[in-house]
All heavy atoms as atom14 arrays in JSON, in Angstrom:
{
  "sequence": "SFGINDMGWFRQAPGKERELVATISSGTTNYADSVKSRFTISRDNA",
  "atom14_mask": [
    [1, 1, 1, 1, 1, 1, 0, 0, 0, 0, 0, 0, 0, 0],
    [1, 1, 1, 1, 1, 1, 1, 1, 1, 1, 1, 0, 0, 0],
    [1, 1, 1, 1, 0, 0, 0, 0, 0, 0, 0, 0, 0, 0],
    [1, 1, 1, 1, 1, 1, 1, 1, 0, 0, 0, 0, 0, 0],
    [1, 1, 1, 1, 1, 1, 1, 1, 0, 0, 0, 0, 0, 0],
    [1, 1, 1, 1, 1, 1, 1, 1, 0, 0, 0, 0, 0, 0],
    [1, 1, 1, 1, 1, 1, 1, 1, 0, 0, 0, 0, 0, 0],
    [1, 1, 1, 1, 0, 0, 0, 0, 0, 0, 0, 0, 0, 0],
    [1, 1, 1, 1, 1, 1, 1, 1, 1, 1, 1, 1, 1, 1],
    [1, 1, 1, 1, 1, 1, 1, 1, 1, 1, 1, 0, 0, 0],
    [1, 1, 1, 1, 1, 1, 1, 1, 1, 1, 1, 0, 0, 0],
    [1, 1, 1, 1, 1, 1, 1, 1, 1, 0, 0, 0, 0, 0],
    [1, 1, 1, 1, 1, 0, 0, 0, 0, 0, 0, 0, 0, 0],
    [1, 1, 1, 1, 1, 1, 1, 0, 0, 0, 0, 0, 0, 0],
    [1, 1, 1, 1, 0, 0, 0, 0, 0, 0, 0, 0, 0, 0],
    [1, 1, 1, 1, 1, 1, 1, 1, 1, 0, 0, 0, 0, 0],
    [1, 1, 1, 1, 1, 1, 1, 1, 1, 0, 0, 0, 0, 0],
    [1, 1, 1, 1, 1, 1, 1, 1, 1, 1, 1, 0, 0, 0],
    [1, 1, 1, 1, 1, 1, 1, 1, 1, 0, 0, 0, 0, 0],
    [1, 1, 1, 1, 1, 1, 1, 1, 0, 0, 0, 0, 0, 0],
    [1, 1, 1, 1, 1, 1, 1, 0, 0, 0, 0, 0, 0, 0],
    [1, 1, 1, 1, 1, 0, 0, 0, 0, 0, 0, 0, 0, 0],
    [1, 1, 1, 1, 1, 1, 1, 0, 0, 0, 0, 0, 0, 0],
    [1, 1, 1, 1, 1, 1, 1, 1, 0, 0, 0, 0, 0, 0],
    [1, 1, 1, 1, 1, 1, 0, 0, 0, 0, 0, 0, 0, 0],
    [1, 1, 1, 1, 1, 1, 0, 0, 0, 0, 0, 0, 0, 0],
    [1, 1, 1, 1, 0, 0, 0, 0, 0, 0, 0, 0, 0, 0],
    [1, 1, 1, 1, 1, 1, 1, 0, 0, 0, 0, 0, 0, 0],
    [1, 1, 1, 1, 1, 1, 1, 0, 0, 0, 0, 0, 0, 0],
    [1, 1, 1, 1, 1, 1, 1, 1, 0, 0, 0, 0, 0, 0],
    [1, 1, 1, 1, 1, 1, 1, 1, 1, 1, 1, 1, 0, 0],
    [1, 1, 1, 1, 1, 0, 0, 0, 0, 0, 0, 0, 0, 0],
    [1, 1, 1, 1, 1, 1, 1, 1, 0, 0, 0, 0, 0, 0],
    [1, 1, 1, 1, 1, 1, 0, 0, 0, 0, 0, 0, 0, 0],
    [1, 1, 1, 1, 1, 1, 1, 0, 0, 0, 0, 0, 0, 0],
    [1, 1, 1, 1, 1, 1, 1, 1, 1, 0, 0, 0, 0, 0],
    [1, 1, 1, 1, 1, 1, 0, 0, 0, 0, 0, 0, 0, 0],
    [1, 1, 1, 1, 1, 1, 1, 1, 1, 1, 1, 0, 0, 0],
    [1, 1, 1, 1, 1, 1, 1, 1, 1, 1, 1, 0, 0, 0],
    [1, 1, 1, 1, 1, 1, 1, 0, 0, 0, 0, 0, 0, 0],
    [1, 1, 1, 1, 1, 1, 1, 1, 0, 0, 0, 0, 0, 0],
    [1, 1, 1, 1, 1, 1, 0, 0, 0, 0, 0, 0, 0, 0],
    [1, 1, 1, 1, 1, 1, 1, 1, 1, 1, 1, 0, 0, 0],
    [1, 1, 1, 1, 1, 1, 1, 1, 0, 0, 0, 0, 0, 0],
    [1, 1, 1, 1, 1, 1, 1, 1, 0, 0, 0, 0, 0, 0],
    [1, 1, 1, 1, 1, 0, 0, 0, 0, 0, 0, 0, 0, 0]
  ],
  "atom14_positions": [
    [[-5.23, 182.63, -122.0], [-5.57, 181.99, -120.74], [-4.79, 182.57, -119.57], [-4.9, 182.08, -118.44], [-5.29, 180.48, -120.83], [-3.92, 180.23, -121.07], [0.0, 0.0, 0.0], [0.0, 0.0, 0.0], [0.0, 0.0, 0.0], [0.0, 0.0, 0.0], [0.0, 0.0, 0.0], [0.0, 0.0, 0.0], [0.0, 0.0, 0.0], [0.0, 0.0, 0.0]],
    [[-4.03, 183.61, -119.82], [-3.16, 184.18, -118.8], [-3.93, 184.61, -117.56], [-3.48, 184.4, -116.44], [-2.4, 185.38, -119.38], [-1.49, 186.05, -118.38], [-0.26, 185.49, -118.08], [-1.87, 187.22, -117.75], [0.58, 186.1, -117.16], [-1.04, 187.84, -116.84], [0.19, 187.28, -116.54], [0.0, 0.0, 0.0], [0.0, 0.0, 0.0], [0.0, 0.0, 0.0]],
    [[-5.1, 185.18, -117.76], [-5.85, 185.73, -116.64], [-6.93, 184.83, -116.07], [-7.68, 185.28, -115.21], [0.0, 0.0, 0.0], [0.0, 0.0, 0.0], [0.0, 0.0, 0.0], [0.0, 0.0, 0.0], [0.0, 0.0, 0.0], [0.0, 0.0, 0.0], [0.0, 0.0, 0.0], [0.0, 0.0, 0.0], [0.0, 0.0, 0.0], [0.0, 0.0, 0.0]],
    [[-6.99, 183.58, -116.51], [-8.01, 182.67, -116.01], [-7.56, 182.11, -114.66], [-6.56, 181.41, -114.57], [-8.3, 181.53, -116.99], [-8.86, 182.09, -118.3], [-9.26, 180.53, -116.38], [-9.16, 181.04, -119.35], [0.0, 0.0, 0.0], [0.0, 0.0, 0.0], [0.0, 0.0, 0.0], [0.0, 0.0, 0.0], [0.0, 0.0, 0.0], [0.0, 0.0, 0.0]],
    [[-8.31, 182.43, -113.62], [-7.99, 181.97, -112.28], [-8.5, 180.56, -112.0], [-7.83, 179.76, -111.36], [-8.56, 182.92, -111.23], [-7.89, 184.27, -111.23], [-6.72, 184.4, -111.58], [-8.64, 185.29, -110.81], [0.0, 0.0, 0.0], [0.0, 0.0, 0.0], [0.0, 0.0, 0.0], [0.0, 0.0, 0.0], [0.0, 0.0, 0.0], [0.0, 0.0, 0.0]],
    [[-9.7, 180.26, -112.47], [-10.31, 178.98, -112.2], [-11.31, 178.64, -113.29], [-11.79, 179.52, -114.02], [-11.02, 178.99, -110.84], [-12.12, 180.02, -110.77], [-13.27, 179.68, -111.14], [-11.85, 181.16, -110.36], [0.0, 0.0, 0.0], [0.0, 0.0, 0.0], [0.0, 0.0, 0.0], [0.0, 0.0, 0.0], [0.0, 0.0, 0.0], [0.0, 0.0, 0.0]],
    [[-11.62, 177.37, -113.41], [-12.65, 176.9, -114.32], [-13.48, 175.84, -113.61], [-13.0, 175.2, -112.66], [-12.06, 176.33, -115.61], [-11.25, 177.34, -116.42], [-10.69, 176.71, -118.02], [-12.23, 176.77, -118.95], [0.0, 0.0, 0.0], [0.0, 0.0, 0.0], [0.0, 0.0, 0.0], [0.0, 0.0, 0.0], [0.0, 0.0, 0.0], [0.0, 0.0, 0.0]],
    [[-14.7, 175.68, -114.04], [-15.54, 174.72, -113.38], [-16.77, 174.37, -114.19], [-17.0, 174.89, -115.28], [0.0, 0.0, 0.0], [0.0, 0.0, 0.0], [0.0, 0.0, 0.0], [0.0, 0.0, 0.0], [0.0, 0.0, 0.0], [0.0, 0.0, 0.0], [0.0, 0.0, 0.0], [0.0, 0.0, 0.0], [0.0, 0.0, 0.0], [0.0, 0.0, 0.0]],
    [[-17.54, 173.45, -113.63], [-18.77, 172.98, -114.24], [-19.93, 173.14, -113.28], [-19.82, 172.82, -112.09], [-18.66, 171.51, -114.65], [-17.72, 171.26, -115.78], [-16.4, 170.93, -115.7], [-18.04, 171.32, -117.17], [-15.87, 170.77, -116.95], [-16.85, 171.01, -117.88], [-19.2, 171.6, -117.88], [-16.81, 170.98, -119.27], [-19.16, 171.57, -119.27], [-17.97, 171.26, -119.94]],
    [[-21.03, 173.63, -113.8], [-22.29, 173.71, -113.08], [-23.34, 172.96, -113.89], [-23.14, 172.7, -115.07], [-22.72, 175.17, -112.88], [-21.86, 175.95, -111.94], [-20.57, 176.32, -112.29], [-22.33, 176.32, -110.69], [-19.76, 177.04, -111.43], [-21.55, 177.06, -109.81], [-20.26, 177.41, -110.18], [0.0, 0.0, 0.0], [0.0, 0.0, 0.0], [0.0, 0.0, 0.0]],
    [[-24.44, 172.63, -113.26], [-25.52, 171.97, -113.99], [-26.86, 172.44, -113.47], [-26.99, 172.87, -112.32], [-25.41, 170.45, -113.9], [-25.66, 169.87, -112.51], [-25.42, 168.36, -112.52], [-25.71, 167.75, -111.22], [-25.47, 166.48, -110.94], [-24.95, 165.67, -111.85], [-25.78, 166.01, -109.72], [0.0, 0.0, 0.0], [0.0, 0.0, 0.0], [0.0, 0.0, 0.0]],
    [[-27.86, 172.34, -114.33], [-29.21, 172.74, -113.97], [-30.21, 171.78, -114.59], [-30.27, 171.63, -115.81], [-29.51, 174.17, -114.41], [-30.83, 174.7, -113.93], [-30.97, 176.2, -114.15], [-30.3, 176.77, -115.01], [-31.82, 176.83, -113.37], [0.0, 0.0, 0.0], [0.0, 0.0, 0.0], [0.0, 0.0, 0.0], [0.0, 0.0, 0.0], [0.0, 0.0, 0.0]],
    [[-30.99, 171.13, -113.74], [-32.04, 170.24, -114.18], [-33.36, 171.01, -114.22], [-33.52, 172.01, -113.52], [-32.15, 169.04, -113.25], [0.0, 0.0, 0.0], [0.0, 0.0, 0.0], [0.0, 0.0, 0.0], [0.0, 0.0, 0.0], [0.0, 0.0, 0.0], [0.0, 0.0, 0.0], [0.0, 0.0, 0.0], [0.0, 0.0, 0.0], [0.0, 0.0, 0.0]],
    [[-34.33, 170.56, -115.02], [-35.62, 171.24, -115.08], [-36.26, 171.38, -113.71], [-36.35, 170.42, -112.95], [-36.46, 170.34, -115.99], [-35.45, 169.64, -116.85], [-34.27, 169.41, -115.95], [0.0, 0.0, 0.0], [0.0, 0.0, 0.0], [0.0, 0.0, 0.0], [0.0, 0.0, 0.0], [0.0, 0.0, 0.0], [0.0, 0.0, 0.0], [0.0, 0.0, 0.0]],
    [[-36.7, 172.59, -113.39], [-37.35, 172.84, -112.12], [-36.43, 172.98, -110.93], [-36.9, 173.12, -109.8], [0.0, 0.0, 0.0], [0.0, 0.0, 0.0], [0.0, 0.0, 0.0], [0.0, 0.0, 0.0], [0.0, 0.0, 0.0], [0.0, 0.0, 0.0], [0.0, 0.0, 0.0], [0.0, 0.0, 0.0], [0.0, 0.0, 0.0], [0.0, 0.0, 0.0]],
    [[-35.13, 172.92, -111.15], [-34.16, 173.04, -110.07], [-33.21, 174.19, -110.33], [-33.05, 174.66, -111.45], [-33.37, 171.74, -109.91], [-34.21, 170.53, -109.51], [-33.34, 169.31, -109.3], [-34.16, 168.12, -108.86], [-33.31, 166.92, -108.64], [0.0, 0.0, 0.0], [0.0, 0.0, 0.0], [0.0, 0.0, 0.0], [0.0, 0.0, 0.0], [0.0, 0.0, 0.0]],
    [[-32.57, 174.65, -109.25], [-31.61, 175.74, -109.38], [-30.27, 175.21, -109.88], [-29.96, 174.02, -109.74], [-31.44, 176.47, -108.05], [-30.82, 175.62, -106.95], [-30.69, 176.36, -105.64], [-31.25, 177.46, -105.52], [-30.03, 175.85, -104.72], [0.0, 0.0, 0.0], [0.0, 0.0, 0.0], [0.0, 0.0, 0.0], [0.0, 0.0, 0.0], [0.0, 0.0, 0.0]],
    [[-29.48, 176.1, -110.47], [-28.17, 175.71, -110.94], [-27.28, 175.36, -109.75], [-27.26, 176.07, -108.75], [-27.55, 176.85, -111.76], [-26.25, 176.49, -112.45], [-25.79, 177.6, -113.38], [-26.74, 177.84, -114.45], [-26.54, 178.68, -115.46], [-25.39, 179.36, -115.53], [-27.46, 178.85, -116.38], [0.0, 0.0, 0.0], [0.0, 0.0, 0.0], [0.0, 0.0, 0.0]],
    [[-26.54, 174.27, -109.87], [-25.69, 173.81, -108.78], [-24.27, 173.57, -109.25], [-24.02, 173.25, -110.41], [-26.26, 172.53, -108.15], [-26.25, 171.33, -109.09], [-26.7, 170.05, -108.41], [-26.83, 170.04, -107.18], [-26.92, 169.05, -109.13], [0.0, 0.0, 0.0], [0.0, 0.0, 0.0], [0.0, 0.0, 0.0], [0.0, 0.0, 0.0], [0.0, 0.0, 0.0]],
    [[-23.35, 173.73, -108.32], [-21.94, 173.46, -108.58], [-21.72, 171.96, -108.74], [-22.22, 171.16, -107.95], [-21.08, 174.0, -107.44], [-19.6, 173.61, -107.46], [-18.89, 174.33, -108.59], [-18.94, 173.94, -106.12], [0.0, 0.0, 0.0], [0.0, 0.0, 0.0], [0.0, 0.0, 0.0], [0.0, 0.0, 0.0], [0.0, 0.0, 0.0], [0.0, 0.0, 0.0]],
    [[-20.95, 171.59, -109.75], [-20.56, 170.2, -109.96], [-19.1, 170.0, -109.56], [-18.78, 169.15, -108.73], [-20.76, 169.77, -111.42], [-20.27, 168.33, -111.63], [-22.23, 169.89, -111.81], [0.0, 0.0, 0.0], [0.0, 0.0, 0.0], [0.0, 0.0, 0.0], [0.0, 0.0, 0.0], [0.0, 0.0, 0.0], [0.0, 0.0, 0.0], [0.0, 0.0, 0.0]],
    [[-18.2, 170.8, -110.14], [-16.78, 170.67, -109.85], [-16.04, 171.92, -110.29], [-16.45, 172.58, -111.24], [-16.19, 169.44, -110.55], [0.0, 0.0, 0.0], [0.0, 0.0, 0.0], [0.0, 0.0, 0.0], [0.0, 0.0, 0.0], [0.0, 0.0, 0.0], [0.0, 0.0, 0.0], [0.0, 0.0, 0.0], [0.0, 0.0, 0.0], [0.0, 0.0, 0.0]],
    [[-14.95, 172.23, -109.6], [-14.09, 173.34, -109.98], [-12.64, 172.91, -109.89], [-12.29, 171.96, -109.19], [-14.29, 174.58, -109.08], [-13.98, 174.25, -107.73], [-15.72, 175.08, -109.17], [0.0, 0.0, 0.0], [0.0, 0.0, 0.0], [0.0, 0.0, 0.0], [0.0, 0.0, 0.0], [0.0, 0.0, 0.0], [0.0, 0.0, 0.0], [0.0, 0.0, 0.0]],
    [[-11.78, 173.63, -110.62], [-10.34, 173.38, -110.56], [-9.62, 174.72, -110.63], [-9.93, 175.57, -111.46], [-9.88, 172.42, -111.67], [-8.4, 172.09, -111.51], [-10.19, 172.98, -113.05], [-7.95, 170.91, -112.36], [0.0, 0.0, 0.0], [0.0, 0.0, 0.0], [0.0, 0.0, 0.0], [0.0, 0.0, 0.0], [0.0, 0.0, 0.0], [0.0, 0.0, 0.0]],
    [[-8.65, 174.9, -109.74], [-7.87, 176.13, -109.68], [-6.49, 175.81, -109.13], [-6.37, 175.27, -108.02], [-8.56, 177.17, -108.8], [-7.8, 178.36, -108.71], [0.0, 0.0, 0.0], [0.0, 0.0, 0.0], [0.0, 0.0, 0.0], [0.0, 0.0, 0.0], [0.0, 0.0, 0.0], [0.0, 0.0, 0.0], [0.0, 0.0, 0.0], [0.0, 0.0, 0.0]],
    [[-5.46, 176.11, -109.91], [-4.07, 175.86, -109.51], [-3.86, 174.42, -109.05], [-3.13, 174.16, -108.1], [-3.64, 176.83, -108.41], [-3.72, 178.17, -108.86], [0.0, 0.0, 0.0], [0.0, 0.0, 0.0], [0.0, 0.0, 0.0], [0.0, 0.0, 0.0], [0.0, 0.0, 0.0], [0.0, 0.0, 0.0], [0.0, 0.0, 0.0], [0.0, 0.0, 0.0]],
    [[-4.52, 173.5, -109.73], [-4.38, 172.09, -109.42], [-5.28, 171.59, -108.32], [-5.36, 170.38, -108.09], [0.0, 0.0, 0.0], [0.0, 0.0, 0.0], [0.0, 0.0, 0.0], [0.0, 0.0, 0.0], [0.0, 0.0, 0.0], [0.0, 0.0, 0.0], [0.0, 0.0, 0.0], [0.0, 0.0, 0.0], [0.0, 0.0, 0.0], [0.0, 0.0, 0.0]],
    [[-5.96, 172.48, -107.62], [-6.87, 172.09, -106.55], [-8.27, 171.88, -107.1], [-8.79, 172.72, -107.82], [-6.9, 173.16, -105.45], [-5.59, 173.33, -104.91], [-7.85, 172.75, -104.33], [0.0, 0.0, 0.0], [0.0, 0.0, 0.0], [0.0, 0.0, 0.0], [0.0, 0.0, 0.0], [0.0, 0.0, 0.0], [0.0, 0.0, 0.0], [0.0, 0.0, 0.0]],
    [[-8.86, 170.75, -106.77], [-10.19, 170.42, -107.26], [-11.21, 170.41, -106.14], [-10.88, 170.18, -104.98], [-10.2, 169.06, -107.96], [-9.75, 168.04, -107.05], [-9.29, 169.07, -109.18], [0.0, 0.0, 0.0], [0.0, 0.0, 0.0], [0.0, 0.0, 0.0], [0.0, 0.0, 0.0], [0.0, 0.0, 0.0], [0.0, 0.0, 0.0], [0.0, 0.0, 0.0]],
    [[-12.45, 170.66, -106.51], [-13.55, 170.65, -105.57], [-14.76, 170.02, -106.25], [-15.04, 170.33, -107.41], [-13.87, 172.08, -105.12], [-14.99, 172.14, -104.12], [-15.02, 171.38, -103.16], [-15.92, 173.06, -104.32], [0.0, 0.0, 0.0], [0.0, 0.0, 0.0], [0.0, 0.0, 0.0], [0.0, 0.0, 0.0], [0.0, 0.0, 0.0], [0.0, 0.0, 0.0]],
    [[-15.47, 169.15, -105.54], [-16.59, 168.42, -106.11], [-17.81, 168.51, -105.22], [-17.71, 168.54, -103.99], [-16.26, 166.95, -106.31], [-15.14, 166.67, -107.28], [-13.83, 166.55, -106.84], [-15.4, 166.52, -108.64], [-12.8, 166.29, -107.72], [-14.37, 166.26, -109.53], [-13.08, 166.15, -109.07], [-12.06, 165.88, -109.95], [0.0, 0.0, 0.0], [0.0, 0.0, 0.0]],
    [[-18.97, 168.51, -105.85], [-20.2, 168.34, -105.1], [-20.24, 166.92, -104.53], [-19.73, 165.98, -105.14], [-21.41, 168.58, -106.0], [0.0, 0.0, 0.0], [0.0, 0.0, 0.0], [0.0, 0.0, 0.0], [0.0, 0.0, 0.0], [0.0, 0.0, 0.0], [0.0, 0.0, 0.0], [0.0, 0.0, 0.0], [0.0, 0.0, 0.0], [0.0, 0.0, 0.0]],
    [[-20.85, 166.78, -103.35], [-20.92, 165.47, -102.71], [-21.59, 164.43, -103.61], [-21.23, 163.25, -103.58], [-21.66, 165.57, -101.38], [-20.86, 166.29, -100.32], [-19.63, 166.38, -100.45], [-21.48, 166.75, -99.34], [0.0, 0.0, 0.0], [0.0, 0.0, 0.0], [0.0, 0.0, 0.0], [0.0, 0.0, 0.0], [0.0, 0.0, 0.0], [0.0, 0.0, 0.0]],
    [[-22.55, 164.85, -104.4], [-23.32, 163.93, -105.22], [-22.52, 163.31, -106.37], [-22.94, 162.3, -106.93], [-24.56, 164.63, -105.79], [-24.19, 165.74, -106.59], [0.0, 0.0, 0.0], [0.0, 0.0, 0.0], [0.0, 0.0, 0.0], [0.0, 0.0, 0.0], [0.0, 0.0, 0.0], [0.0, 0.0, 0.0], [0.0, 0.0, 0.0], [0.0, 0.0, 0.0]],
    [[-21.37, 163.9, -106.71], [-20.6, 163.39, -107.85], [-19.21, 162.9, -107.45], [-18.48, 162.4, -108.31], [-20.47, 164.45, -108.96], [-21.84, 164.95, -109.39], [-19.58, 165.61, -108.52], [0.0, 0.0, 0.0], [0.0, 0.0, 0.0], [0.0, 0.0, 0.0], [0.0, 0.0, 0.0], [0.0, 0.0, 0.0], [0.0, 0.0, 0.0], [0.0, 0.0, 0.0]],
    [[-18.84, 163.04, -106.19], [-17.54, 162.58, -105.74], [-17.38, 161.08, -106.02], [-18.31, 160.31, -105.85], [-17.35, 162.86, -104.25], [-17.11, 164.31, -103.91], [-16.88, 164.5, -102.42], [-16.6, 165.95, -102.08], [-16.42, 166.15, -100.62], [0.0, 0.0, 0.0], [0.0, 0.0, 0.0], [0.0, 0.0, 0.0], [0.0, 0.0, 0.0], [0.0, 0.0, 0.0]],
    [[-16.19, 160.7, -106.45], [-15.83, 159.33, -106.8], [-16.39, 158.88, -108.14], [-16.09, 157.78, -108.6], [-16.26, 158.33, -105.71], [-15.66, 158.64, -104.47], [0.0, 0.0, 0.0], [0.0, 0.0, 0.0], [0.0, 0.0, 0.0], [0.0, 0.0, 0.0], [0.0, 0.0, 0.0], [0.0, 0.0, 0.0], [0.0, 0.0, 0.0], [0.0, 0.0, 0.0]],
    [[-17.2, 159.71, -108.77], [-17.75, 159.37, -110.08], [-17.27, 160.33, -111.18], [-17.07, 159.9, -112.31], [-19.28, 159.38, -110.04], [-19.87, 158.36, -109.08], [-21.38, 158.23, -109.28], [-22.08, 159.49, -109.03], [-22.81, 160.14, -109.93], [-22.95, 159.65, -111.16], [-23.41, 161.27, -109.61], [0.0, 0.0, 0.0], [0.0, 0.0, 0.0], [0.0, 0.0, 0.0]],
    [[-17.11, 161.61, -110.85], [-16.7, 162.61, -111.83], [-15.28, 163.06, -111.55], [-14.84, 163.11, -110.39], [-17.61, 163.84, -111.77], [-19.02, 163.61, -112.24], [-19.5, 162.34, -112.52], [-19.88, 164.69, -112.41], [-20.8, 162.13, -112.95], [-21.18, 164.5, -112.84], [-21.64, 163.22, -113.11], [0.0, 0.0, 0.0], [0.0, 0.0, 0.0], [0.0, 0.0, 0.0]],
    [[-14.55, 163.43, -112.6], [-13.2, 163.95, -112.48], [-13.05, 165.18, -113.36], [-13.33, 165.12, -114.56], [-12.15, 162.91, -112.87], [-12.28, 161.75, -112.05], [-10.74, 163.48, -112.69], [0.0, 0.0, 0.0], [0.0, 0.0, 0.0], [0.0, 0.0, 0.0], [0.0, 0.0, 0.0], [0.0, 0.0, 0.0], [0.0, 0.0, 0.0], [0.0, 0.0, 0.0]],
    [[-12.6, 166.28, -112.77], [-12.36, 167.5, -113.53], [-10.86, 167.65, -113.76], [-10.05, 167.31, -112.9], [-12.92, 168.74, -112.8], [-12.82, 169.99, -113.69], [-12.23, 168.96, -111.46], [-13.57, 171.2, -113.12], [0.0, 0.0, 0.0], [0.0, 0.0, 0.0], [0.0, 0.0, 0.0], [0.0, 0.0, 0.0], [0.0, 0.0, 0.0], [0.0, 0.0, 0.0]],
    [[-10.48, 168.13, -114.94], [-9.08, 168.31, -115.27], [-8.92, 169.44, -116.28], [-9.88, 169.86, -116.92], [-8.48, 167.01, -115.83], [-9.12, 166.63, -117.03], [0.0, 0.0, 0.0], [0.0, 0.0, 0.0], [0.0, 0.0, 0.0], [0.0, 0.0, 0.0], [0.0, 0.0, 0.0], [0.0, 0.0, 0.0], [0.0, 0.0, 0.0], [0.0, 0.0, 0.0]],
    [[-7.68, 169.94, -116.41], [-7.35, 170.98, -117.38], [-6.13, 170.54, -118.17], [-5.28, 169.81, -117.67], [-7.08, 172.32, -116.68], [-8.27, 172.91, -115.98], [-7.89, 174.14, -115.18], [-7.56, 175.28, -116.04], [-7.3, 176.51, -115.58], [-7.33, 176.74, -114.27], [-7.0, 177.48, -116.43], [0.0, 0.0, 0.0], [0.0, 0.0, 0.0], [0.0, 0.0, 0.0]],
    [[-6.04, 171.02, -119.42], [-4.87, 170.69, -120.23], [-3.7, 171.57, -119.82], [-3.83, 172.46, -118.97], [-5.19, 170.8, -121.72], [-5.44, 172.23, -122.19], [-5.28, 173.18, -121.4], [-5.81, 172.4, -123.37], [0.0, 0.0, 0.0], [0.0, 0.0, 0.0], [0.0, 0.0, 0.0], [0.0, 0.0, 0.0], [0.0, 0.0, 0.0], [0.0, 0.0, 0.0]],
    [[-2.53, 171.33, -120.44], [-1.33, 172.05, -120.05], [-1.43, 173.55, -120.29], [-0.82, 174.34, -119.56], [-0.11, 171.49, -120.8], [0.25, 170.09, -120.36], [0.01, 169.7, -119.21], [0.84, 169.31, -121.25], [0.0, 0.0, 0.0], [0.0, 0.0, 0.0], [0.0, 0.0, 0.0], [0.0, 0.0, 0.0], [0.0, 0.0, 0.0], [0.0, 0.0, 0.0]],
    [[-2.15, 173.94, -121.31], [-2.32, 175.36, -121.61], [-3.36, 176.01, -120.69], [-3.47, 177.23, -120.65], [-2.73, 175.55, -123.06], [0.0, 0.0, 0.0], [0.0, 0.0, 0.0], [0.0, 0.0, 0.0], [0.0, 0.0, 0.0], [0.0, 0.0, 0.0], [0.0, 0.0, 0.0], [0.0, 0.0, 0.0], [0.0, 0.0, 0.0], [0.0, 0.0, 0.0]]
  ]
}
């Protein structure tokens, strides 16, 4: 995991384009407006 800069989640529903759900990098998180306050992204210690 030494070279991993960031990790995140995307989703794709039938007939729709793939969209960003959430990302995490160096403790900073980012969420799509549609999932804010409902979804939480996290990483383990490793």
